[in-house]
Amino acid sequence: MATRAGITSHTVPSVTVNSLRSRRRSGSARRLDAPRSGGGWRIAALALFAGVFVAVRQGSIFTARPQNAELAWTRRTVIVPSMSRSGEASEQKPIFLDRLPLELTIELPVGSKAGTYELQLEMNHRAAVSTGANAEIHNGTTAFTVRINLSGFEAGNYSMVIRQVPNDWNLYPVLVR
């Protein structure tokens, strides 16, 4: 670059506009103003990796699995049959329970009172599970909810005994499967 009395002149390389256009069309053109580095794909890959890493850490891609101490309770409603008042003793159908951690809502027979109830699951007249809860009346139905983890139980015939404290126990057959 030479300057004469405030006029600046530039020296032009010996590349003509037509030769640049022909190179561009043939795919062999190279930008003259920037050195060829090939680092653009590295920056894009790094940005993509950082985005995936942040998404995984925040849990938006993979949800967190429950820890061993956190059980997934399966909700189930058990409707306890009313006792028949006739002189005939009929065979009661068993209540079917799965070998899972269960959150049982026990709907008591018509006319049952609200209050404290106990529930036991027995096998061979031995209590395998004993729990209790406070029953409340909602829309004419007396019910209480308990949690029983049956995942470690053997499949077979059990008895569910329920009573309102301090009254007598009522027995219902249960089949754990």
Protein backbone atom coordinates (compact mmCIF):
# COMPACT_ATOMS: atom_id res chain seq x y z
CA MET A 1 0.00 0.00 0.00
CA ALA A 2 1.47 3.27 -1.09
CA THR A 3 0.21 6.72 -0.23
CA ARG A 4 0.61 9.85 -2.30
CA ALA A 5 -0.71 13.16 -1.10
CA GLY A 6 -3.60 11.64 0.83
CA ILE A 7 -4.46 9.10 -1.89
CA THR A 8 -4.21 5.47 -0.96
CA SER A 9 -3.58 2.86 -3.58
CA HIS A 10 -3.78 -0.88 -3.17
CA THR A 11 -1.98 -3.56 -5.01
CA VAL A 12 -4.39 -6.18 -6.37
CA PRO A 13 -3.34 -9.81 -6.58
CA SER A 14 -3.26 -11.35 -9.99
CA VAL A 15 -6.56 -13.19 -9.38
CA THR A 16 -9.42 -12.01 -11.56
CA VAL A 17 -13.10 -12.10 -10.68
CA ASN A 18 -13.84 -14.55 -13.50
CA SER A 19 -11.21 -17.00 -12.26
CA LEU A 20 -12.70 -16.89 -8.74
CA ARG A 21 -16.19 -17.57 -10.12
CA SER A 22 -14.97 -20.55 -12.10
CA ARG A 23 -13.15 -21.94 -9.05
CA ARG A 24 -16.25 -21.51 -6.91
CA ARG A 25 -18.40 -23.39 -9.45
CA SER A 26 -15.90 -26.25 -9.67
CA GLY A 27 -15.64 -26.61 -5.89
CA SER A 28 -11.94 -25.79 -5.69
CA ALA A 29 -12.41 -22.23 -4.48
CA ARG A 30 -10.80 -21.25 -1.23
CA ARG A 31 -11.59 -18.20 0.80
CA LEU A 32 -8.78 -15.79 0.45
CA ASP A 33 -9.58 -13.81 3.60
CA ALA A 34 -9.55 -16.68 6.16
CA PRO A 35 -7.01 -19.43 6.66
CA ARG A 36 -8.25 -22.99 6.25
CA SER A 37 -8.54 -24.45 9.75
CA GLY A 38 -11.23 -27.17 9.85
CA GLY A 39 -11.91 -26.36 13.52
CA GLY A 40 -15.57 -25.44 13.01
CA TRP A 41 -16.77 -29.02 13.28
CA ARG A 42 -14.83 -29.40 16.52
CA ILE A 43 -16.62 -26.44 18.07
CA ALA A 44 -20.01 -27.76 16.90
CA ALA A 45 -19.26 -31.24 18.29
CA LEU A 46 -18.13 -29.74 21.61
CA ALA A 47 -21.32 -27.64 21.84
CA LEU A 48 -23.48 -30.69 21.05
CA PHE A 49 -21.67 -32.78 23.69
CA ALA A 50 -22.08 -30.04 26.30
CA GLY A 51 -25.81 -29.75 25.52
CA VAL A 52 -26.38 -33.50 25.86
CA PHE A 53 -24.35 -33.59 29.09
CA VAL A 54 -26.41 -30.79 30.66
CA ALA A 55 -29.70 -32.41 29.55
CA VAL A 56 -28.72 -35.77 31.08
CA ARG A 57 -27.57 -34.18 34.34
CA GLN A 58 -30.83 -32.25 34.73
CA GLY A 59 -32.90 -35.36 34.05
CA SER A 60 -34.71 -34.11 30.98
CA ILE A 61 -33.58 -37.07 28.86
CA PHE A 62 -33.50 -39.92 31.39
CA THR A 63 -35.79 -39.82 34.41
CA ALA A 64 -34.35 -40.81 37.75
CA ARG A 65 -35.12 -44.37 38.81
CA PRO A 66 -36.52 -44.89 42.30
CA GLN A 67 -33.93 -45.81 44.86
CA ASN A 68 -34.07 -49.17 46.61
CA ALA A 69 -35.71 -47.59 49.65
CA GLU A 70 -38.49 -46.10 47.53
CA LEU A 71 -41.16 -48.66 46.71
CA ALA A 72 -43.66 -48.22 43.92
CA TRP A 73 -46.93 -48.92 45.70
CA THR A 74 -49.72 -50.42 43.60
CA ARG A 75 -53.13 -49.07 44.59
CA ARG A 76 -55.89 -51.59 44.98
CA THR A 77 -59.38 -51.49 46.47
CA VAL A 78 -60.64 -54.48 48.43
CA ILE A 79 -64.37 -54.64 49.01
CA VAL A 80 -65.07 -56.68 52.14
CA PRO A 81 -68.30 -58.68 51.63
CA SER A 82 -71.18 -58.24 54.03
CA MET A 83 -72.08 -61.20 56.22
CA SER A 84 -75.29 -62.95 55.29
CA ARG A 85 -77.98 -63.01 57.98
CA SER A 86 -79.50 -66.28 56.78
CA GLY A 87 -78.92 -69.56 58.58
CA GLU A 88 -76.96 -70.99 55.63
CA ALA A 89 -73.21 -70.74 55.75
CA SER A 90 -72.04 -70.07 52.21
CA GLU A 91 -68.51 -70.52 50.92
CA GLN A 92 -66.79 -67.14 50.72
CA LYS A 93 -64.89 -66.31 47.56
CA PRO A 94 -61.23 -65.46 48.22
CA ILE A 95 -59.81 -61.96 47.85
CA PHE A 96 -56.98 -62.05 45.29
CA LEU A 97 -53.80 -60.11 46.13
CA ASP A 98 -50.64 -59.88 44.03
CA ARG A 99 -47.14 -60.31 45.43
CA LEU A 100 -46.32 -56.60 45.19
CA PRO A 101 -46.04 -53.61 47.50
CA LEU A 102 -49.76 -52.80 47.79
CA GLU A 103 -51.59 -49.74 49.02
CA LEU A 104 -54.93 -51.28 49.92
CA THR A 105 -58.11 -49.30 50.40
CA ILE A 106 -60.34 -51.57 52.44
CA GLU A 107 -64.05 -50.82 51.91
CA LEU A 108 -65.89 -52.25 54.91
CA PRO A 109 -69.38 -53.81 54.84
CA VAL A 110 -72.46 -51.59 54.79
CA GLY A 111 -73.23 -50.18 58.24
CA SER A 112 -69.61 -50.30 59.51
CA LYS A 113 -68.70 -47.46 61.84
CA ALA A 114 -65.84 -45.02 61.51
CA GLY A 115 -62.94 -45.49 63.93
CA THR A 116 -59.74 -47.43 64.46
CA TYR A 117 -59.43 -50.77 62.64
CA GLU A 118 -56.79 -53.48 62.69
CA LEU A 119 -55.94 -55.76 59.77
CA GLN A 120 -53.86 -58.92 59.86
CA LEU A 121 -52.83 -61.25 57.08
CA GLU A 122 -52.43 -64.74 58.54
CA MET A 123 -51.06 -68.03 57.27
CA ASN A 124 -51.65 -71.19 59.34
CA HIS A 125 -53.12 -69.05 62.15
CA ARG A 126 -49.93 -66.96 62.44
CA ALA A 127 -49.89 -63.26 61.67
CA ALA A 128 -47.64 -62.56 58.68
CA VAL A 129 -48.60 -58.86 58.56
CA SER A 130 -50.31 -56.73 61.16
CA THR A 131 -51.30 -53.13 60.58
CA GLY A 132 -54.03 -50.66 61.36
CA ALA A 133 -55.61 -47.40 60.28
CA ASN A 134 -58.42 -45.00 61.00
CA ALA A 135 -61.56 -45.67 58.92
CA GLU A 136 -63.68 -42.77 57.70
CA ILE A 137 -67.08 -42.59 56.05
CA HIS A 138 -67.20 -40.96 52.60
CA ASN A 139 -70.40 -41.02 50.50
CA GLY A 140 -71.88 -43.75 52.69
CA THR A 141 -68.83 -46.06 52.43
CA THR A 142 -66.62 -46.79 55.41
CA ALA A 143 -63.01 -47.34 54.32
CA PHE A 144 -59.41 -47.21 55.49
CA THR A 145 -56.08 -47.43 53.65
CA VAL A 146 -53.03 -49.50 54.61
CA ARG A 147 -49.74 -50.36 52.94
CA ILE A 148 -48.63 -53.99 52.82
CA ASN A 149 -45.50 -55.17 51.02
CA LEU A 150 -46.28 -58.69 49.77
CA SER A 151 -43.27 -58.92 47.43
CA GLY A 152 -41.44 -61.32 49.77
CA PHE A 153 -44.44 -63.55 50.45
CA GLU A 154 -44.94 -67.03 49.09
CA ALA A 155 -47.94 -67.58 46.86
CA GLY A 156 -50.76 -69.44 48.59
CA ASN A 157 -53.82 -69.30 50.79
CA TYR A 158 -53.97 -66.75 53.60
CA SER A 159 -56.65 -65.27 55.84
CA MET A 160 -57.34 -61.57 56.21
CA VAL A 161 -58.75 -60.76 59.62
CA ILE A 162 -60.21 -57.32 60.30
CA ARG A 163 -61.70 -55.81 63.42
CA GLN A 164 -62.75 -52.49 64.79
CA VAL A 165 -60.86 -52.04 68.03
CA PRO A 166 -61.86 -53.52 70.58
CA ASN A 167 -64.46 -55.75 68.82
CA ASP A 168 -64.03 -59.32 67.54
CA TRP A 169 -62.18 -60.33 64.41
CA ASN A 170 -63.90 -61.13 61.09
CA LEU A 171 -62.11 -63.59 58.81
CA TYR A 172 -61.93 -63.43 54.98
CA PRO A 173 -60.06 -65.87 52.72
CA VAL A 174 -57.20 -64.44 50.64
CA LEU A 175 -55.23 -65.93 47.78
CA VAL A 176 -51.79 -64.37 47.29
CA ARG A 177 -50.53 -64.96 43.78
